[in-house]
Protein backbone atom coordinates (compact mmCIF):
# COMPACT_ATOMS: atom_id res chain seq x y z
CA VAL A 1 5.33 3.09 -2.22
CA PHE A 2 4.01 -0.13 -0.71
CA PHE A 3 5.44 -3.67 -1.73
CA LEU A 4 4.10 -7.23 -1.90
CA SER A 5 7.30 -9.60 -2.14
CA PRO A 6 6.27 -12.31 -4.51
CA ALA A 7 7.28 -15.12 -2.26
CA MET A 8 5.26 -13.72 0.38
CA ALA A 9 2.34 -12.88 -2.21
CA GLN A 10 -0.59 -14.38 -3.21
CA THR A 11 -1.29 -14.27 -6.62
CA GLU A 12 -5.11 -12.62 -5.12
CA ILE A 13 -4.83 -10.45 -2.80
CA VAL A 14 -6.39 -11.19 0.98
CA PRO A 15 -7.58 -8.66 2.49
CA SER A 16 -6.46 -8.90 6.28
CA GLY A 17 -7.59 -4.93 7.39
CA PHE A 18 -3.75 -3.62 7.18
CA LEU A 19 -4.87 -1.27 3.72
CA ASP A 20 -8.32 0.45 3.76
CA ASP A 21 -8.49 -0.24 -0.29
CA TYR A 22 -7.04 -2.80 -1.49
CA GLY A 23 -8.37 -1.75 -4.58
CA ILE A 24 -5.23 0.33 -5.14
CA LEU A 25 -2.72 -1.97 -5.39
CA ILE A 26 -2.28 -3.02 -9.42
CA PRO A 27 -0.90 -6.09 -10.23
CA ASN A 28 3.01 -6.87 -11.69
CA ALA A 29 3.09 -7.40 -14.84
CA GLU A 30 6.01 -8.45 -15.34
CA VAL A 31 5.89 -10.62 -11.39
CA LYS A 32 3.58 -12.89 -11.05
CA GLY A 33 2.00 -12.34 -7.16
CA ASP A 34 3.29 -8.97 -7.37
CA TYR A 35 1.56 -5.56 -6.66
CA ASN A 36 2.30 -2.29 -5.91
CA TYR A 37 0.85 1.33 -5.47
CA ARG A 38 2.26 4.25 -5.98
CA LYS A 39 0.47 7.53 -5.37
CA GLU A 40 -0.23 9.46 -8.49
CA GLY A 41 2.32 12.95 -8.51
CA VAL A 42 4.25 11.94 -5.69
CA THR A 43 8.15 11.99 -7.81
CA ILE A 44 10.46 9.48 -5.12
CA SER A 45 13.53 11.22 -6.73
CA LYS A 46 12.90 14.31 -5.34
CA TYR A 47 13.99 12.92 -2.19
CA PRO A 48 17.58 12.65 -0.30
CA ASN A 49 16.99 10.04 1.81
CA VAL A 50 14.27 7.85 3.01
CA MET A 51 13.95 5.69 5.82
CA ILE A 52 13.01 2.42 5.69
CA GLU A 53 12.07 1.08 9.07
CA PRO A 54 12.45 -2.49 10.57
CA LEU A 55 9.86 -5.46 9.07
CA GLU A 56 7.97 -6.75 11.50
CA ILE A 57 6.09 -10.61 10.61
CA TRP A 58 2.89 -10.82 12.01
CA LEU A 59 1.47 -15.03 12.34
CA ASP A 60 -1.74 -15.77 12.40
CA PRO A 61 -2.53 -17.01 15.99
CA GLU A 62 -5.04 -19.48 14.25
CA SER A 63 -2.01 -20.69 11.24
CA THR A 64 -1.83 -24.97 11.82
CA TYR A 65 1.65 -24.34 11.22
CA LYS A 66 3.78 -23.36 13.86
CA GLY A 67 7.32 -23.90 12.70
CA VAL A 68 9.30 -20.55 12.34
CA SER A 69 11.97 -20.37 14.49
CA PRO A 70 12.29 -16.50 15.94
CA ASP A 71 16.07 -16.70 14.53
CA MET A 72 14.55 -17.74 10.67
CA LEU A 73 12.37 -14.27 11.59
CA LYS A 74 15.22 -12.61 11.77
CA GLU A 75 16.99 -13.34 9.05
CA MET A 76 14.38 -13.18 6.65
CA THR A 77 13.48 -9.85 7.88
CA GLU A 78 16.63 -8.46 7.91
CA GLU A 79 17.45 -10.14 4.09
CA PHE A 80 13.93 -8.34 2.88
CA ARG A 81 15.00 -5.24 4.62
CA ASN A 82 18.80 -5.39 3.25
CA ILE A 83 16.99 -5.91 -0.55
CA MET A 84 14.18 -3.11 0.04
CA ILE A 85 17.49 -0.71 1.02
CA LYS A 86 19.92 -1.92 -1.60
CA ASN A 87 17.16 -1.89 -4.84
CA LEU A 88 16.51 2.52 -3.55
C-alpha cells in the first residue's frame, strides 16, 4: 500500500523518480490530491504485524523556500507516522 498525503500531494502527480511507474497510482475519489496503490491479490488483513519505518523528508536543494526548521520537520514526520499507525 502506498499513500500520498493530501496535505503534501498535488492535484497532478509530478514524477520525481521515487517510483518506476506513476501510472499505478489511482486517484482517491473521496480526497482531492490523494493517490493510492494496492497490489492486486494482496490481503493486508492476513498480516499480524506491520512495520512502519520512520519517515524521511527530502527537500529540493533548488527550492527557493528554505524556512522549514529541523524541529518542524521532526514534528511533521512523527505526527504523520502516528496517524498512519493509528489508522492501520
